[in-house]
């Protein structure tokens, strides 16, 4: 378990090392994964599995419940090839996957 306030880069690295899906309620996490996960020269987090929730508390719980079937399907899709990562954005108005 990481302490509250741990830098995002360490949180991402810990998720990758533990083969975990990072569930983030953090607006900065999307920029971090874009910056370090998609550009070939910055592929440090290209294997990070991420569910980014961009809603507030009560709405986040409801939206995550609504997305559960999609999340399970995306996880199964991801597991078919080792090079794929799971990346889902959940907001008040949309649920989006990045493949």
C-alpha atoms as a PDB file:
ATOM      1  CA  UNK A   1       0.000   0.000   0.000  1.00  0.00           C
ATOM      2  CA  UNK A   2       1.276   3.448  -0.908  1.00  0.00           C
ATOM      3  CA  UNK A   3       0.928   6.506   1.289  1.00  0.00           C
ATOM      4  CA  UNK A   4      -1.477   9.265   0.361  1.00  0.00           C
ATOM      5  CA  UNK A   5       0.335  11.942  -1.633  1.00  0.00           C
ATOM      6  CA  UNK A   6       2.729   9.491  -3.313  1.00  0.00           C
ATOM      7  CA  UNK A   7       3.844  10.974  -6.664  1.00  0.00           C
ATOM      8  CA  UNK A   8       1.869   9.724  -9.685  1.00  0.00           C
ATOM      9  CA  UNK A   9       4.979   8.290 -11.360  1.00  0.00           C
ATOM     10  CA  UNK A  10       5.580   6.013  -8.360  1.00  0.00           C
ATOM     11  CA  UNK A  11       1.915   5.000  -8.233  1.00  0.00           C
ATOM     12  CA  UNK A  12       2.042   4.040 -11.916  1.00  0.00           C
ATOM     13  CA  UNK A  13       5.288   2.125 -11.471  1.00  0.00           C
ATOM     14  CA  UNK A  14       3.855   0.235  -8.477  1.00  0.00           C
ATOM     15  CA  UNK A  15       0.731  -0.734 -10.457  1.00  0.00           C
ATOM     16  CA  UNK A  16       2.863  -2.060 -13.312  1.00  0.00           C
ATOM     17  CA  UNK A  17       5.193  -3.951 -10.964  1.00  0.00           C
ATOM     18  CA  UNK A  18       2.233  -5.605  -9.238  1.00  0.00           C
ATOM     19  CA  UNK A  19       0.396  -6.307 -12.516  1.00  0.00           C
ATOM     20  CA  UNK A  20      -2.541  -4.304 -11.165  1.00  0.00           C
ATOM     21  CA  UNK A  21      -5.168  -2.091 -12.728  1.00  0.00           C
ATOM     22  CA  UNK A  22      -4.753   1.457 -11.467  1.00  0.00           C
ATOM     23  CA  UNK A  23      -8.098   3.037 -10.602  1.00  0.00           C
ATOM     24  CA  UNK A  24      -7.469   6.771 -10.489  1.00  0.00           C
ATOM     25  CA  UNK A  25      -9.740   9.591  -9.428  1.00  0.00           C
ATOM     26  CA  UNK A  26      -7.138  12.108 -10.483  1.00  0.00           C
ATOM     27  CA  UNK A  27      -7.322  14.580 -13.359  1.00  0.00           C
ATOM     28  CA  UNK A  28      -3.535  14.628 -13.763  1.00  0.00           C
ATOM     29  CA  UNK A  29      -3.282  10.891 -14.396  1.00  0.00           C
ATOM     30  CA  UNK A  30      -4.524  11.208 -17.981  1.00  0.00           C
ATOM     31  CA  UNK A  31      -1.784  13.694 -18.853  1.00  0.00           C
ATOM     32  CA  UNK A  32       0.829  11.500 -17.204  1.00  0.00           C
ATOM     33  CA  UNK A  33      -0.163   8.413 -19.162  1.00  0.00           C
ATOM     34  CA  UNK A  34      -0.404  10.375 -22.405  1.00  0.00           C
ATOM     35  CA  UNK A  35       3.013  11.889 -21.853  1.00  0.00           C
ATOM     36  CA  UNK A  36       4.767   8.726 -20.710  1.00  0.00           C
ATOM     37  CA  UNK A  37       2.680   5.978 -22.235  1.00  0.00           C
ATOM     38  CA  UNK A  38       2.027   6.753 -25.877  1.00  0.00           C
ATOM     39  CA  UNK A  39       5.043   8.525 -27.318  1.00  0.00           C
ATOM     40  CA  UNK A  40       7.668   5.956 -28.418  1.00  0.00           C
ATOM     41  CA  UNK A  41      10.490   7.803 -26.674  1.00  0.00           C
ATOM     42  CA  UNK A  42       8.457   7.917 -23.432  1.00  0.00           C
ATOM     43  CA  UNK A  43       7.030   4.399 -23.326  1.00  0.00           C
ATOM     44  CA  UNK A  44       7.713   3.987 -19.611  1.00  0.00           C
ATOM     45  CA  UNK A  45       4.059   3.363 -18.721  1.00  0.00           C
ATOM     46  CA  UNK A  46       2.889   1.732 -21.946  1.00  0.00           C
ATOM     47  CA  UNK A  47       1.849  -1.397 -20.037  1.00  0.00           C
ATOM     48  CA  UNK A  48      -0.096   0.495 -17.359  1.00  0.00           C
ATOM     49  CA  UNK A  49      -3.695  -0.687 -17.032  1.00  0.00           C
ATOM     50  CA  UNK A  50      -5.785   2.346 -16.075  1.00  0.00           C
ATOM     51  CA  UNK A  51      -9.372   3.115 -15.149  1.00  0.00           C
ATOM     52  CA  UNK A  52      -9.600   6.884 -14.783  1.00  0.00           C
ATOM     53  CA  UNK A  53     -12.696   8.196 -13.041  1.00  0.00           C
ATOM     54  CA  UNK A  54     -13.420  11.848 -13.706  1.00  0.00           C
ATOM     55  CA  UNK A  55     -16.545  12.274 -11.548  1.00  0.00           C
ATOM     56  CA  UNK A  56     -17.099  13.217  -7.927  1.00  0.00           C
ATOM     57  CA  UNK A  57     -17.748  10.704  -5.096  1.00  0.00           C
ATOM     58  CA  UNK A  58     -21.368   9.503  -5.300  1.00  0.00           C
ATOM     59  CA  UNK A  59     -21.491   9.867  -9.090  1.00  0.00           C
ATOM     60  CA  UNK A  60     -18.191   7.970  -9.425  1.00  0.00           C
ATOM     61  CA  UNK A  61     -19.627   4.937  -7.641  1.00  0.00           C
ATOM     62  CA  UNK A  62     -22.761   4.905  -9.815  1.00  0.00           C
ATOM     63  CA  UNK A  63     -20.805   5.368 -13.039  1.00  0.00           C
ATOM     64  CA  UNK A  64     -18.310   2.624 -12.128  1.00  0.00           C
ATOM     65  CA  UNK A  65     -21.225   0.242 -11.452  1.00  0.00           C
ATOM     66  CA  UNK A  66     -22.770   1.159 -14.805  1.00  0.00           C
ATOM     67  CA  UNK A  67     -19.457   0.488 -16.540  1.00  0.00           C
ATOM     68  CA  UNK A  68     -18.740  -2.879 -14.893  1.00  0.00           C
ATOM     69  CA  UNK A  69     -19.742  -5.072 -17.872  1.00  0.00           C
ATOM     70  CA  UNK A  70     -17.672  -2.910 -20.211  1.00  0.00           C
ATOM     71  CA  UNK A  71     -14.703  -3.041 -17.804  1.00  0.00           C
ATOM     72  CA  UNK A  72     -14.896  -6.834 -17.660  1.00  0.00           C
ATOM     73  CA  UNK A  73     -15.094  -7.056 -21.471  1.00  0.00           C
ATOM     74  CA  UNK A  74     -12.134  -4.680 -21.878  1.00  0.00           C
ATOM     75  CA  UNK A  75     -10.092  -6.725 -19.407  1.00  0.00           C
ATOM     76  CA  UNK A  76     -10.777  -9.930 -21.355  1.00  0.00           C
ATOM     77  CA  UNK A  77      -9.863  -8.153 -24.609  1.00  0.00           C
ATOM     78  CA  UNK A  78      -6.628  -6.925 -23.035  1.00  0.00           C
ATOM     79  CA  UNK A  79      -5.679 -10.390 -21.807  1.00  0.00           C
ATOM     80  CA  UNK A  80      -5.818 -11.840 -25.334  1.00  0.00           C
ATOM     81  CA  UNK A  81      -2.485 -10.155 -26.198  1.00  0.00           C
ATOM     82  CA  UNK A  82       0.294  -9.280 -23.741  1.00  0.00           C
ATOM     83  CA  UNK A  83       1.066  -6.001 -25.542  1.00  0.00           C
ATOM     84  CA  UNK A  84      -2.430  -4.573 -24.980  1.00  0.00           C
ATOM     85  CA  UNK A  85      -3.275  -2.391 -22.060  1.00  0.00           C
ATOM     86  CA  UNK A  86      -6.620  -1.561 -20.520  1.00  0.00           C
ATOM     87  CA  UNK A  87      -7.425   2.127 -20.466  1.00  0.00           C
ATOM     88  CA  UNK A  88     -10.953   3.331 -19.687  1.00  0.00           C
ATOM     89  CA  UNK A  89     -12.111   6.871 -18.910  1.00  0.00           C
ATOM     90  CA  UNK A  90     -15.336   7.255 -16.936  1.00  0.00           C
ATOM     91  CA  UNK A  91     -16.950  10.678 -16.597  1.00  0.00           C
ATOM     92  CA  UNK A  92     -20.376  12.095 -15.813  1.00  0.00           C
ATOM     93  CA  UNK A  93     -21.362  12.024 -19.479  1.00  0.00           C
ATOM     94  CA  UNK A  94     -19.345   9.293 -21.171  1.00  0.00           C
ATOM     95  CA  UNK A  95     -17.481   6.026 -20.711  1.00  0.00           C
ATOM     96  CA  UNK A  96     -14.638   5.707 -23.235  1.00  0.00           C
ATOM     97  CA  UNK A  97     -12.089   2.999 -23.959  1.00  0.00           C
ATOM     98  CA  UNK A  98      -8.694   3.636 -25.539  1.00  0.00           C
ATOM     99  CA  UNK A  99      -7.359   0.782 -27.612  1.00  0.00           C
END
